C-alpha atoms as a PDB file:
ATOM      1  CA  MET A   1      11.379   0.109   6.735  1.00  0.00           C
ATOM      2  CA  SER A   2       9.140   2.927   8.093  1.00  0.00           C
ATOM      3  CA  GLY A   3       5.464   3.751   8.713  1.00  0.00           C
ATOM      4  CA  HIS A   4       2.982   4.309   5.902  1.00  0.00           C
ATOM      5  CA  LEU A   5       4.053   4.607   2.355  1.00  0.00           C
ATOM      6  CA  SER A   6       3.875   7.963   0.517  1.00  0.00           C
ATOM      7  CA  VAL A   7       1.398   8.129  -2.111  1.00  0.00           C
ATOM      8  CA  ASP A   8       4.234   8.490  -4.599  1.00  0.00           C
ATOM      9  CA  ASP A   9       5.531   5.253  -3.561  1.00  0.00           C
ATOM     10  CA  ARG A  10       2.208   3.650  -3.748  1.00  0.00           C
ATOM     11  CA  TRP A  11       1.820   4.892  -7.379  1.00  0.00           C
ATOM     12  CA  ARG A  12       5.409   3.700  -7.921  1.00  0.00           C
ATOM     13  CA  ILE A  13       4.542  -0.005  -6.856  1.00  0.00           C
ATOM     14  CA  ILE A  14       1.650   0.171  -9.372  1.00  0.00           C
ATOM     15  CA  SER A  15       3.809   1.479 -12.095  1.00  0.00           C
ATOM     16  CA  LEU A  16       6.722  -0.962 -11.435  1.00  0.00           C
ATOM     17  CA  ARG A  17       4.105  -4.013 -11.310  1.00  0.00           C
ATOM     18  CA  PHE A  18       2.010  -3.137 -14.451  1.00  0.00           C
ATOM     19  CA  ASN A  19       4.396  -0.892 -16.610  1.00  0.00           C
ATOM     20  CA  GLN A  20       7.782  -2.587 -15.805  1.00  0.00           C
ATOM     21  CA  GLY A  21       6.405  -6.074 -15.156  1.00  0.00           C
ATOM     22  CA  MET A  22       8.326  -6.644 -12.099  1.00  0.00           C
ATOM     23  CA  THR A  23       7.535  -9.022  -9.379  1.00  0.00           C
ATOM     24  CA  PRO A  24       6.325  -8.175  -5.877  1.00  0.00           C
ATOM     25  CA  ASN A  25       9.702  -9.248  -4.499  1.00  0.00           C
ATOM     26  CA  GLN A  26      11.554  -6.962  -6.587  1.00  0.00           C
ATOM     27  CA  ILE A  27       9.244  -3.936  -5.966  1.00  0.00           C
ATOM     28  CA  ALA A  28       9.681  -4.598  -2.098  1.00  0.00           C
ATOM     29  CA  TYR A  29      13.275  -4.400  -2.594  1.00  0.00           C
ATOM     30  CA  ILE A  30      13.394  -1.367  -4.690  1.00  0.00           C
ATOM     31  CA  ILE A  31      10.634   0.524  -2.404  1.00  0.00           C
ATOM     32  CA  ASN A  32      12.097  -0.854   0.794  1.00  0.00           C
ATOM     33  CA  CYS A  33       8.945  -2.413   2.176  1.00  0.00           C
ATOM     34  CA  SER A  34       7.775  -5.626   2.846  1.00  0.00           C
ATOM     35  CA  ARG A  35       6.492  -8.070   0.038  1.00  0.00           C
ATOM     36  CA  ILE A  36       3.109  -8.297   2.012  1.00  0.00           C
ATOM     37  CA  THR A  37       2.814  -4.357   1.692  1.00  0.00           C
ATOM     38  CA  VAL A  38       3.195  -4.828  -2.066  1.00  0.00           C
ATOM     39  CA  PHE A  39       0.548  -7.399  -2.269  1.00  0.00           C
ATOM     40  CA  ASN A  40      -1.668  -5.161  -0.131  1.00  0.00           C
ATOM     41  CA  ILE A  41      -1.332  -2.156  -2.337  1.00  0.00           C
ATOM     42  CA  LEU A  42      -1.764  -4.307  -5.493  1.00  0.00           C
ATOM     43  CA  GLN A  43      -5.056  -5.832  -4.220  1.00  0.00           C
ATOM     44  CA  LEU A  44      -6.304  -2.473  -3.020  1.00  0.00           C
ATOM     45  CA  PHE A  45      -5.693  -1.015  -6.706  1.00  0.00           C
ATOM     46  CA  HIS A  46      -7.352  -4.025  -8.064  1.00  0.00           C
ATOM     47  CA  GLU A  47     -10.375  -3.574  -5.665  1.00  0.00           C
ATOM     48  CA  THR A  48     -10.807   0.317  -5.913  1.00  0.00           C
ATOM     49  CA  ASN A  49      -8.653   1.332  -9.001  1.00  0.00           C
ATOM     50  CA  ASN A  50      -6.988   3.726  -6.412  1.00  0.00           C
ATOM     51  CA  ILE A  51      -4.270   3.611  -3.965  1.00  0.00           C
ATOM     52  CA  ILE A  52      -5.804   5.787  -1.163  1.00  0.00           C
ATOM     53  CA  GLU A  53      -6.503   3.887   1.919  1.00  0.00           C
ATOM     54  CA  ARG A  54     -10.046   2.865   2.759  1.00  0.00           C
ATOM     55  CA  GLU A  55     -12.067   4.702   5.308  1.00  0.00           C
ATOM     56  CA  GLY A  56     -12.687   3.112   8.557  1.00  0.00           C
ATOM     57  CA  ARG A  57      -9.354   1.238   8.863  1.00  0.00           C
ATOM     58  CA  GLY A  58      -7.864   0.793  12.353  1.00  0.00           C
ATOM     59  CA  ARG A  59      -9.278   0.595  15.716  1.00  0.00           C
ATOM     60  CA  PRO A  60     -12.334   2.601  16.549  1.00  0.00           C
ATOM     61  CA  LEU A  61     -11.681   5.617  19.048  1.00  0.00           C
ATOM     62  CA  LEU A  62     -13.179   5.163  22.432  1.00  0.00           C
ATOM     63  CA  ASN A  63     -15.660   7.873  23.376  1.00  0.00           C
ATOM     64  CA  ASN A  64     -16.160   7.086  26.919  1.00  0.00           C
ATOM     65  CA  ARG A  65     -14.324  10.128  28.427  1.00  0.00           C
ATOM     66  CA  LYS A  66     -16.353  12.023  30.929  1.00  0.00           C
END
């Protein structure tokens, strides 16, 4: 498993789930990612109808340098 999934892989997850009817376990095996990642992408798609990551994710940057 590597870092973030490409946009193509994210759309492939959606396609495999809704067009092919595959389970998250099957998709995770094919895409080579965790089952949780598949669930997260499916949830993101369900909530936003898109697969692009939400704004404001991650730890905020520290702006205390002088």
